[in-house]
Amino acid sequence: MNTKRTILSEKELNLIEDIIAKYSVIVTFEQIYSILKKKMSRQSVRNLTNKLARNGWLVRIKKGIYSIASLEARGFLATPSFKIAQILVKDSYISFEAALQYHGMFDQMLKTIASISLKRYQIKEVHGTNYKFIRAKKGLFFGWEEKRVENYFVKVATPEKAILDMLSFKRNVYTVDLVLEKLREYKHQLEFARLNKFSRKHSKAVQRILGFLLDKVSLDSDYIYNLTKKDRGCSYMTKDSKKFDAKWRLYFHSNFGTLE
């Protein structure tokens, strides 16, 4: 991450003020050029843009798109991370721990913002934050709502969908334990009718794990059980799960013990 900052010339400061007034803190190269094209050539504008980026006043989000760094807090990005994720991949929504954090259900600092997208993308680093996009089939691209984050609208998973996404796409002992913790701690805030409805579109493995965890915290699992009881196959919580629960036909990890 480049933290070099130099003093802005009057011309550069006026340009940044003009950009903020006209376009807010997210701007494309073409928009910068539209402000300066009567005074400077296209190449000169490109050179100036590159200089501002090198000196830390513009932060490149992706090709041709920049965010203006905060003029008050030198070196800090003025654009919220959720908005950057949506700029990087328009057809995506914030999920997993980041979505739970938005809903007040996760309080740890995140170095990575993970989203669900319809295509596969490489991890992108912007100003010290990693942006990860996990591809999902179109049938699982749902369960998000548009939320206002500062001055921007972004797509954020409901807490129920974030839980299901963790069990579907990031399943390991840590995430299963995290889901168990959230079911226990936020049982009065979670909408279980919505959780049940959303679970219908997820795999039998996800349904079985969810039902197992609901039983673990003494919550109603009848709806989920009715989705799975006719299927005589078996599922694994994790690759190294060896203990078997007959009700859910689920091999579960030893960390979760037996149902209480």
C-alpha atoms as a PDB file:
ATOM      1  CA  MET A   1       0.000   0.000   0.000  1.00  0.00           C
ATOM      2  CA  ASN A   2       1.430   3.359  -1.039  1.00  0.00           C
ATOM      3  CA  THR A   3       1.184   5.883   1.799  1.00  0.00           C
ATOM      4  CA  LYS A   4       3.387   8.573   0.267  1.00  0.00           C
ATOM      5  CA  ARG A   5       1.680  11.956   0.548  1.00  0.00           C
ATOM      6  CA  THR A   6       2.949  15.260  -0.819  1.00  0.00           C
ATOM      7  CA  ILE A   7       1.532  18.741  -0.455  1.00  0.00           C
ATOM      8  CA  LEU A   8      -1.074  19.463  -3.113  1.00  0.00           C
ATOM      9  CA  SER A   9      -0.471  22.352  -5.454  1.00  0.00           C
ATOM     10  CA  GLU A  10      -3.273  24.886  -5.757  1.00  0.00           C
ATOM     11  CA  LYS A  11      -4.179  23.442  -9.158  1.00  0.00           C
ATOM     12  CA  GLU A  12      -4.339  19.895  -7.781  1.00  0.00           C
ATOM     13  CA  LEU A  13      -6.366  20.949  -4.749  1.00  0.00           C
ATOM     14  CA  ASN A  14      -8.826  22.814  -6.975  1.00  0.00           C
ATOM     15  CA  LEU A  15      -9.145  19.736  -9.178  1.00  0.00           C
ATOM     16  CA  ILE A  16      -9.910  17.463  -6.233  1.00  0.00           C
ATOM     17  CA  GLU A  17     -12.441  19.955  -4.870  1.00  0.00           C
ATOM     18  CA  ASP A  18     -14.085  20.106  -8.322  1.00  0.00           C
ATOM     19  CA  ILE A  19     -14.214  16.303  -8.510  1.00  0.00           C
ATOM     20  CA  ILE A  20     -15.828  16.012  -5.069  1.00  0.00           C
ATOM     21  CA  ALA A  21     -18.357  18.746  -5.888  1.00  0.00           C
ATOM     22  CA  LYS A  22     -19.337  17.145  -9.189  1.00  0.00           C
ATOM     23  CA  TYR A  23     -18.874  13.404  -8.675  1.00  0.00           C
ATOM     24  CA  SER A  24     -18.360  12.819  -4.908  1.00  0.00           C
ATOM     25  CA  VAL A  25     -15.324  10.740  -3.896  1.00  0.00           C
ATOM     26  CA  ILE A  26     -15.528   8.038  -6.582  1.00  0.00           C
ATOM     27  CA  VAL A  27     -14.443   9.161 -10.019  1.00  0.00           C
ATOM     28  CA  THR A  28     -13.449   7.693 -13.375  1.00  0.00           C
ATOM     29  CA  PHE A  29     -10.585   8.886 -15.536  1.00  0.00           C
ATOM     30  CA  GLU A  30     -13.112  10.040 -18.136  1.00  0.00           C
ATOM     31  CA  GLN A  31     -14.817  12.228 -15.532  1.00  0.00           C
ATOM     32  CA  ILE A  32     -11.491  13.769 -14.528  1.00  0.00           C
ATOM     33  CA  TYR A  33     -10.744  14.392 -18.198  1.00  0.00           C
ATOM     34  CA  SER A  34     -14.148  16.025 -18.708  1.00  0.00           C
ATOM     35  CA  ILE A  35     -13.247  18.616 -16.055  1.00  0.00           C
ATOM     36  CA  LEU A  36      -9.841  19.419 -17.542  1.00  0.00           C
ATOM     37  CA  LYS A  37     -10.191  18.786 -21.281  1.00  0.00           C
ATOM     38  CA  LYS A  38     -10.510  22.496 -22.131  1.00  0.00           C
ATOM     39  CA  LYS A  39      -7.188  23.203 -20.412  1.00  0.00           C
ATOM     40  CA  MET A  40      -5.117  20.043 -20.889  1.00  0.00           C
ATOM     41  CA  SER A  41      -4.552  17.291 -23.412  1.00  0.00           C
ATOM     42  CA  ARG A  42      -5.760  13.775 -22.667  1.00  0.00           C
ATOM     43  CA  GLN A  43      -2.195  12.585 -22.049  1.00  0.00           C
ATOM     44  CA  SER A  44      -1.504  15.495 -19.697  1.00  0.00           C
ATOM     45  CA  VAL A  45      -4.633  14.627 -17.719  1.00  0.00           C
ATOM     46  CA  ARG A  46      -3.498  11.007 -17.584  1.00  0.00           C
ATOM     47  CA  ASN A  47      -0.075  12.091 -16.319  1.00  0.00           C
ATOM     48  CA  LEU A  48      -1.676  14.269 -13.636  1.00  0.00           C
ATOM     49  CA  THR A  49      -3.998  11.443 -12.597  1.00  0.00           C
ATOM     50  CA  ASN A  50      -1.056   9.049 -12.316  1.00  0.00           C
ATOM     51  CA  LYS A  51       0.859  11.609 -10.243  1.00  0.00           C
ATOM     52  CA  LEU A  52      -2.044  12.049  -7.821  1.00  0.00           C
ATOM     53  CA  ALA A  53      -2.312   8.258  -7.531  1.00  0.00           C
ATOM     54  CA  ARG A  54       1.438   7.872  -6.910  1.00  0.00           C
ATOM     55  CA  ASN A  55       1.303  10.521  -4.217  1.00  0.00           C
ATOM     56  CA  GLY A  56      -1.657   8.923  -2.451  1.00  0.00           C
ATOM     57  CA  TRP A  57      -4.376  11.486  -3.198  1.00  0.00           C
ATOM     58  CA  LEU A  58      -6.188   9.172  -5.583  1.00  0.00           C
ATOM     59  CA  VAL A  59      -6.550   5.453  -4.805  1.00  0.00           C
ATOM     60  CA  ARG A  60      -6.986   3.183  -7.810  1.00  0.00           C
ATOM     61  CA  ILE A  61      -9.883   0.798  -7.262  1.00  0.00           C
ATOM     62  CA  LYS A  62      -9.707  -0.801 -10.691  1.00  0.00           C
ATOM     63  CA  LYS A  63      -8.725   0.267 -14.182  1.00  0.00           C
ATOM     64  CA  GLY A  64     -10.036   3.763 -14.820  1.00  0.00           C
ATOM     65  CA  ILE A  65     -11.837   4.115 -11.463  1.00  0.00           C
ATOM     66  CA  TYR A  66     -10.419   5.977  -8.459  1.00  0.00           C
ATOM     67  CA  SER A  67     -11.429   7.016  -4.976  1.00  0.00           C
ATOM     68  CA  ILE A  68     -10.267  10.281  -3.477  1.00  0.00           C
ATOM     69  CA  ALA A  69      -8.334   9.778  -0.254  1.00  0.00           C
ATOM     70  CA  SER A  70      -9.638  11.743   2.705  1.00  0.00           C
ATOM     71  CA  LEU A  71      -8.184  15.249   2.744  1.00  0.00           C
ATOM     72  CA  GLU A  72      -8.758  15.542   6.501  1.00  0.00           C
ATOM     73  CA  ALA A  73      -7.315  12.173   7.578  1.00  0.00           C
ATOM     74  CA  ARG A  74      -4.227  11.907   5.419  1.00  0.00           C
ATOM     75  CA  GLY A  75      -3.751   8.464   3.921  1.00  0.00           C
ATOM     76  CA  PHE A  76      -7.219   7.110   4.712  1.00  0.00           C
ATOM     77  CA  LEU A  77      -9.612   6.046   1.992  1.00  0.00           C
ATOM     78  CA  ALA A  78     -12.806   8.084   1.987  1.00  0.00           C
ATOM     79  CA  THR A  79     -14.886   5.386   0.270  1.00  0.00           C
ATOM     80  CA  PRO A  80     -16.412   2.648   2.492  1.00  0.00           C
ATOM     81  CA  SER A  81     -15.089  -0.857   1.845  1.00  0.00           C
ATOM     82  CA  PHE A  82     -18.540  -2.251   1.027  1.00  0.00           C
ATOM     83  CA  LYS A  83     -18.897   0.258  -1.808  1.00  0.00           C
ATOM     84  CA  ILE A  84     -15.455  -0.609  -3.151  1.00  0.00           C
ATOM     85  CA  ALA A  85     -16.485  -4.280  -3.274  1.00  0.00           C
ATOM     86  CA  GLN A  86     -19.523  -3.345  -5.383  1.00  0.00           C
ATOM     87  CA  ILE A  87     -17.410  -1.189  -7.697  1.00  0.00           C
ATOM     88  CA  LEU A  88     -14.955  -4.036  -8.222  1.00  0.00           C
ATOM     89  CA  VAL A  89     -17.746  -6.479  -9.109  1.00  0.00           C
ATOM     90  CA  LYS A  90     -21.153  -5.000  -9.801  1.00  0.00           C
ATOM     91  CA  ASP A  91     -22.960  -8.349  -9.812  1.00  0.00           C
ATOM     92  CA  SER A  92     -22.057  -9.298  -6.253  1.00  0.00           C
ATOM     93  CA  TYR A  93     -23.348  -8.942  -2.714  1.00  0.00           C
ATOM     94  CA  ILE A  94     -21.532  -8.688   0.615  1.00  0.00           C
ATOM     95  CA  SER A  95     -21.871 -11.869   2.674  1.00  0.00           C
ATOM     96  CA  PHE A  96     -20.188 -14.034   5.332  1.00  0.00           C
ATOM     97  CA  GLU A  97     -18.611 -12.268   8.335  1.00  0.00           C
ATOM     98  CA  ALA A  98     -18.787  -8.854   6.664  1.00  0.00           C
ATOM     99  CA  ALA A  99     -22.570  -9.101   6.301  1.00  0.00           C
ATOM    100  CA  LEU A 100     -22.917 -10.282   9.892  1.00  0.00           C
ATOM    101  CA  GLN A 101     -20.765  -7.331  10.938  1.00  0.00           C
ATOM    102  CA  TYR A 102     -23.112  -4.960   9.113  1.00  0.00           C
ATOM    103  CA  HIS A 103     -26.054  -6.461  11.036  1.00  0.00           C
ATOM    104  CA  GLY A 104     -24.233  -6.068  14.370  1.00  0.00           C
ATOM    105  CA  MET A 105     -23.550  -9.784  14.800  1.00  0.00           C
ATOM    106  CA  PHE A 106     -19.771  -9.831  14.308  1.00  0.00           C
ATOM    107  CA  ASP A 107     -17.394  -7.440  16.043  1.00  0.00           C
ATOM    108  CA  GLN A 108     -13.920  -8.511  14.933  1.00  0.00           C
ATOM    109  CA  MET A 109     -11.846  -6.418  12.542  1.00  0.00           C
ATOM    110  CA  LEU A 110     -11.868  -7.795   9.009  1.00  0.00           C
ATOM    111  CA  LYS A 111      -8.888  -7.697   6.675  1.00  0.00           C
ATOM    112  CA  THR A 112     -10.902  -9.375   3.928  1.00  0.00           C
ATOM    113  CA  ILE A 113     -14.353  -8.448   2.633  1.00  0.00           C
ATOM    114  CA  ALA A 114     -15.901 -11.548   1.063  1.00  0.00           C
ATOM    115  CA  SER A 115     -18.772 -11.378  -1.404  1.00  0.00           C
ATOM    116  CA  ILE A 116     -20.857 -13.756  -3.483  1.00  0.00           C
ATOM    117  CA  SER A 117     -20.604 -13.195  -7.234  1.00  0.00           C
ATOM    118  CA  LEU A 118     -21.823 -14.902 -10.398  1.00  0.00           C
ATOM    119  CA  LYS A 119     -18.319 -15.275 -11.857  1.00  0.00           C
ATOM    120  CA  ARG A 120     -14.893 -16.113 -10.474  1.00  0.00           C
ATOM    121  CA  TYR A 121     -12.533 -13.209  -9.796  1.00  0.00           C
ATOM    122  CA  GLN A 122      -9.058 -12.913  -8.348  1.00  0.00           C
ATOM    123  CA  ILE A 123      -8.615 -11.439  -4.877  1.00  0.00           C
ATOM    124  CA  LYS A 124      -8.085  -7.697  -5.167  1.00  0.00           C
ATOM    125  CA  GLU A 125      -6.224  -5.561  -2.618  1.00  0.00           C
ATOM    126  CA  VAL A 126      -7.242  -1.927  -2.272  1.00  0.00           C
ATOM    127  CA  HIS A 127      -5.588   0.290   0.331  1.00  0.00           C
ATOM    128  CA  GLY A 128      -4.825  -2.555   2.739  1.00  0.00           C
ATOM    129  CA  THR A 129      -8.131  -4.427   2.458  1.00  0.00           C
ATOM    130  CA  ASN A 130      -8.525  -7.646   0.477  1.00  0.00           C
ATOM    131  CA  TYR A 131     -11.673  -8.169  -1.576  1.00  0.00           C
ATOM    132  CA  LYS A 132     -12.620 -11.775  -2.254  1.00  0.00           C
ATOM    133  CA  PHE A 133     -15.409 -12.900  -4.582  1.00  0.00           C
ATOM    134  CA  ILE A 134     -16.785 -16.423  -4.289  1.00  0.00           C
ATOM    135  CA  ARG A 135     -18.649 -17.699  -7.315  1.00  0.00           C
ATOM    136  CA  ALA A 136     -22.161 -19.085  -6.830  1.00  0.00           C
ATOM    137  CA  LYS A 137     -24.628 -20.560  -9.257  1.00  0.00           C
ATOM    138  CA  LYS A 138     -27.445 -18.232 -10.221  1.00  0.00           C
ATOM    139  CA  GLY A 139     -29.887 -20.229  -8.090  1.00  0.00           C
ATOM    140  CA  LEU A 140     -27.965 -19.285  -4.937  1.00  0.00           C
ATOM    141  CA  PHE A 141     -27.517 -15.626  -5.842  1.00  0.00           C
ATOM    142  CA  PHE A 142     -30.325 -14.310  -3.646  1.00  0.00           C
ATOM    143  CA  GLY A 143     -31.040 -13.298  -0.072  1.00  0.00           C
ATOM    144  CA  TRP A 144     -29.540  -9.812  -0.200  1.00  0.00           C
ATOM    145  CA  GLU A 145     -31.031  -6.376   0.363  1.00  0.00           C
ATOM    146  CA  GLU A 146     -29.907  -2.935  -0.738  1.00  0.00           C
ATOM    147  CA  LYS A 147     -28.622  -1.068   2.297  1.00  0.00           C
ATOM    148  CA  ARG A 148     -27.411   2.479   2.688  1.00  0.00           C
ATOM    149  CA  VAL A 149     -23.786   2.655   3.831  1.00  0.00           C
ATOM    150  CA  GLU A 150     -22.826   6.283   4.350  1.00  0.00           C
ATOM    151  CA  ASN A 151     -23.853   7.910   1.046  1.00  0.00           C
ATOM    152  CA  TYR A 152     -23.981   4.730  -1.023  1.00  0.00           C
ATOM    153  CA  PHE A 153     -26.381   1.862  -1.635  1.00  0.00           C
ATOM    154  CA  VAL A 154     -24.796  -1.592  -1.505  1.00  0.00           C
ATOM    155  CA  LYS A 155     -26.102  -5.149  -1.673  1.00  0.00           C
ATOM    156  CA  VAL A 156     -25.720  -6.947   1.663  1.00  0.00           C
ATOM    157  CA  ALA A 157     -26.861 -10.456   2.572  1.00  0.00           C
ATOM    158  CA  THR A 158     -29.461 -10.814   5.273  1.00  0.00           C
ATOM    159  CA  PRO A 159     -27.966 -12.470   8.379  1.00  0.00           C
ATOM    160  CA  GLU A 160     -29.876 -15.648   7.533  1.00  0.00           C
ATOM    161  CA  LYS A 161     -28.365 -15.816   4.036  1.00  0.00           C
ATOM    162  CA  ALA A 162     -24.890 -14.994   5.374  1.00  0.00           C
ATOM    163  CA  ILE A 163     -25.205 -18.017   7.680  1.00  0.00           C
ATOM    164  CA  LEU A 164     -26.249 -20.282   4.807  1.00  0.00           C
ATOM    165  CA  ASP A 165     -23.481 -18.928   2.584  1.00  0.00           C
ATOM    166  CA  MET A 166     -20.906 -19.778   5.245  1.00  0.00           C
ATOM    167  CA  LEU A 167     -22.193 -23.342   5.422  1.00  0.00           C
ATOM    168  CA  SER A 168     -22.238 -23.590   1.621  1.00  0.00           C
ATOM    169  CA  PHE A 169     -19.059 -21.872   0.471  1.00  0.00           C
ATOM    170  CA  LYS A 170     -16.682 -21.506   3.441  1.00  0.00           C
ATOM    171  CA  ARG A 171     -17.468 -24.612   5.447  1.00  0.00           C
ATOM    172  CA  ASN A 172     -14.840 -25.657   7.964  1.00  0.00           C
ATOM    173  CA  VAL A 173     -14.711 -26.154  11.733  1.00  0.00           C
ATOM    174  CA  TYR A 174     -14.282 -22.413  12.326  1.00  0.00           C
ATOM    175  CA  THR A 175     -17.274 -21.316  10.228  1.00  0.00           C
ATOM    176  CA  VAL A 176     -19.573 -24.063  11.516  1.00  0.00           C
ATOM    177  CA  ASP A 177     -18.672 -23.082  15.070  1.00  0.00           C
ATOM    178  CA  LEU A 178     -19.275 -19.424  14.175  1.00  0.00           C
ATOM    179  CA  VAL A 179     -22.730 -20.271  12.822  1.00  0.00           C
ATOM    180  CA  LEU A 180     -23.496 -22.226  15.994  1.00  0.00           C
ATOM    181  CA  GLU A 181     -22.421 -19.213  18.064  1.00  0.00           C
ATOM    182  CA  LYS A 182     -24.641 -16.829  16.077  1.00  0.00           C
ATOM    183  CA  LEU A 183     -27.656 -19.140  16.290  1.00  0.00           C
ATOM    184  CA  ARG A 184     -27.223 -19.238  20.056  1.00  0.00           C
ATOM    185  CA  GLU A 185     -26.465 -15.546  20.643  1.00  0.00           C
ATOM    186  CA  TYR A 186     -28.927 -14.003  18.182  1.00  0.00           C
ATOM    187  CA  LYS A 187     -31.851 -16.419  18.294  1.00  0.00           C
ATOM    188  CA  HIS A 188     -34.186 -13.529  19.102  1.00  0.00           C
ATOM    189  CA  GLN A 189     -32.911 -11.359  16.227  1.00  0.00           C
ATOM    190  CA  LEU A 190     -32.699 -13.958  13.457  1.00  0.00           C
ATOM    191  CA  GLU A 191     -35.790 -14.553  11.328  1.00  0.00           C
ATOM    192  CA  PHE A 192     -36.101 -18.330  11.348  1.00  0.00           C
ATOM    193  CA  ALA A 193     -39.002 -18.391   8.897  1.00  0.00           C
ATOM    194  CA  ARG A 194     -36.705 -16.704   6.389  1.00  0.00           C
ATOM    195  CA  LEU A 195     -33.809 -19.004   7.301  1.00  0.00           C
ATOM    196  CA  ASN A 196     -36.044 -22.023   6.658  1.00  0.00           C
ATOM    197  CA  LYS A 197     -37.312 -20.628   3.357  1.00  0.00           C
ATOM    198  CA  PHE A 198     -33.818 -19.766   2.113  1.00  0.00           C
ATOM    199  CA  SER A 199     -32.469 -23.176   3.137  1.00  0.00           C
ATOM    200  CA  ARG A 200     -34.742 -24.906   0.599  1.00  0.00           C
ATOM    201  CA  LYS A 201     -32.460 -23.751  -2.233  1.00  0.00           C
ATOM    202  CA  HIS A 202     -29.292 -24.994  -0.564  1.00  0.00           C
ATOM    203  CA  SER A 203     -27.869 -28.505  -0.657  1.00  0.00           C
ATOM    204  CA  LYS A 204     -28.941 -31.398   1.522  1.00  0.00           C
ATOM    205  CA  ALA A 205     -25.555 -31.196   3.255  1.00  0.00           C
ATOM    206  CA  VAL A 206     -26.196 -27.584   4.250  1.00  0.00           C
ATOM    207  CA  GLN A 207     -29.717 -28.431   5.396  1.00  0.00           C
ATOM    208  CA  ARG A 208     -28.478 -31.331   7.524  1.00  0.00           C
ATOM    209  CA  ILE A 209     -25.742 -29.249   9.151  1.00  0.00           C
ATOM    210  CA  LEU A 210     -28.189 -26.431   9.838  1.00  0.00           C
ATOM    211  CA  GLY A 211     -30.692 -28.840  11.390  1.00  0.00           C
ATOM    212  CA  PHE A 212     -27.964 -30.421  13.511  1.00  0.00           C
ATOM    213  CA  LEU A 213     -26.888 -26.983  14.775  1.00  0.00           C
ATOM    214  CA  LEU A 214     -30.474 -25.913  15.492  1.00  0.00           C
ATOM    215  CA  ASP A 215     -30.884 -29.017  17.645  1.00  0.00           C
ATOM    216  CA  LYS A 216     -27.592 -28.230  19.345  1.00  0.00           C
ATOM    217  CA  VAL A 217     -28.967 -24.907  20.631  1.00  0.00           C
ATOM    218  CA  SER A 218     -32.492 -26.260  21.311  1.00  0.00           C
ATOM    219  CA  LEU A 219     -34.189 -24.405  18.451  1.00  0.00           C
ATOM    220  CA  ASP A 220     -37.012 -25.762  16.303  1.00  0.00           C
ATOM    221  CA  SER A 221     -35.575 -27.907  13.506  1.00  0.00           C
ATOM    222  CA  ASP A 222     -38.787 -29.588  12.313  1.00  0.00           C
ATOM    223  CA  TYR A 223     -38.998 -27.632   9.051  1.00  0.00           C
ATOM    224  CA  ILE A 224     -35.425 -28.529   8.119  1.00  0.00           C
ATOM    225  CA  TYR A 225     -35.929 -32.150   9.151  1.00  0.00           C
ATOM    226  CA  ASN A 226     -38.928 -32.452   6.832  1.00  0.00           C
ATOM    227  CA  LEU A 227     -36.710 -31.286   3.958  1.00  0.00           C
ATOM    228  CA  THR A 228     -34.161 -34.029   4.574  1.00  0.00           C
ATOM    229  CA  LYS A 229     -35.906 -37.033   6.137  1.00  0.00           C
ATOM    230  CA  LYS A 230     -36.779 -38.796   2.861  1.00  0.00           C
ATOM    231  CA  ASP A 231     -33.246 -38.566   1.522  1.00  0.00           C
ATOM    232  CA  ARG A 232     -31.345 -41.692   2.583  1.00  0.00           C
ATOM    233  CA  GLY A 233     -27.940 -40.369   1.601  1.00  0.00           C
ATOM    234  CA  CYS A 234     -25.345 -39.072   4.045  1.00  0.00           C
ATOM    235  CA  SER A 235     -23.460 -35.797   4.316  1.00  0.00           C
ATOM    236  CA  TYR A 236     -20.212 -34.654   5.907  1.00  0.00           C
ATOM    237  CA  MET A 237     -19.873 -31.511   7.991  1.00  0.00           C
ATOM    238  CA  THR A 238     -16.163 -31.339   7.098  1.00  0.00           C
ATOM    239  CA  LYS A 239     -13.815 -33.659   5.217  1.00  0.00           C
ATOM    240  CA  ASP A 240     -12.434 -35.081   8.466  1.00  0.00           C
ATOM    241  CA  SER A 241     -15.802 -35.570  10.200  1.00  0.00           C
ATOM    242  CA  LYS A 242     -16.132 -39.119  11.573  1.00  0.00           C
ATOM    243  CA  LYS A 243     -18.902 -39.127  14.200  1.00  0.00           C
ATOM    244  CA  PHE A 244     -22.347 -40.002  12.839  1.00  0.00           C
ATOM    245  CA  ASP A 245     -25.716 -38.529  13.813  1.00  0.00           C
ATOM    246  CA  ALA A 246     -28.510 -40.877  12.738  1.00  0.00           C
ATOM    247  CA  LYS A 247     -31.326 -38.310  12.809  1.00  0.00           C
ATOM    248  CA  TRP A 248     -29.587 -36.011  10.346  1.00  0.00           C
ATOM    249  CA  ARG A 249     -27.601 -38.708   8.547  1.00  0.00           C
ATOM    250  CA  LEU A 250     -24.628 -36.437   9.075  1.00  0.00           C
ATOM    251  CA  TYR A 251     -20.999 -37.146   9.853  1.00  0.00           C
ATOM    252  CA  PHE A 252     -19.996 -34.325  12.184  1.00  0.00           C
ATOM    253  CA  HIS A 253     -16.688 -33.118  13.568  1.00  0.00           C
ATOM    254  CA  SER A 254     -15.635 -34.272  17.031  1.00  0.00           C
ATOM    255  CA  ASN A 255     -15.399 -30.627  18.194  1.00  0.00           C
ATOM    256  CA  PHE A 256     -19.188 -30.535  18.309  1.00  0.00           C
ATOM    257  CA  GLY A 257     -19.590 -33.555  20.571  1.00  0.00           C
ATOM    258  CA  THR A 258     -22.983 -35.188  20.864  1.00  0.00           C
ATOM    259  CA  LEU A 259     -26.332 -33.469  20.822  1.00  0.00           C
ATOM    260  CA  GLU A 260     -27.418 -32.273  24.232  1.00  0.00           C
END
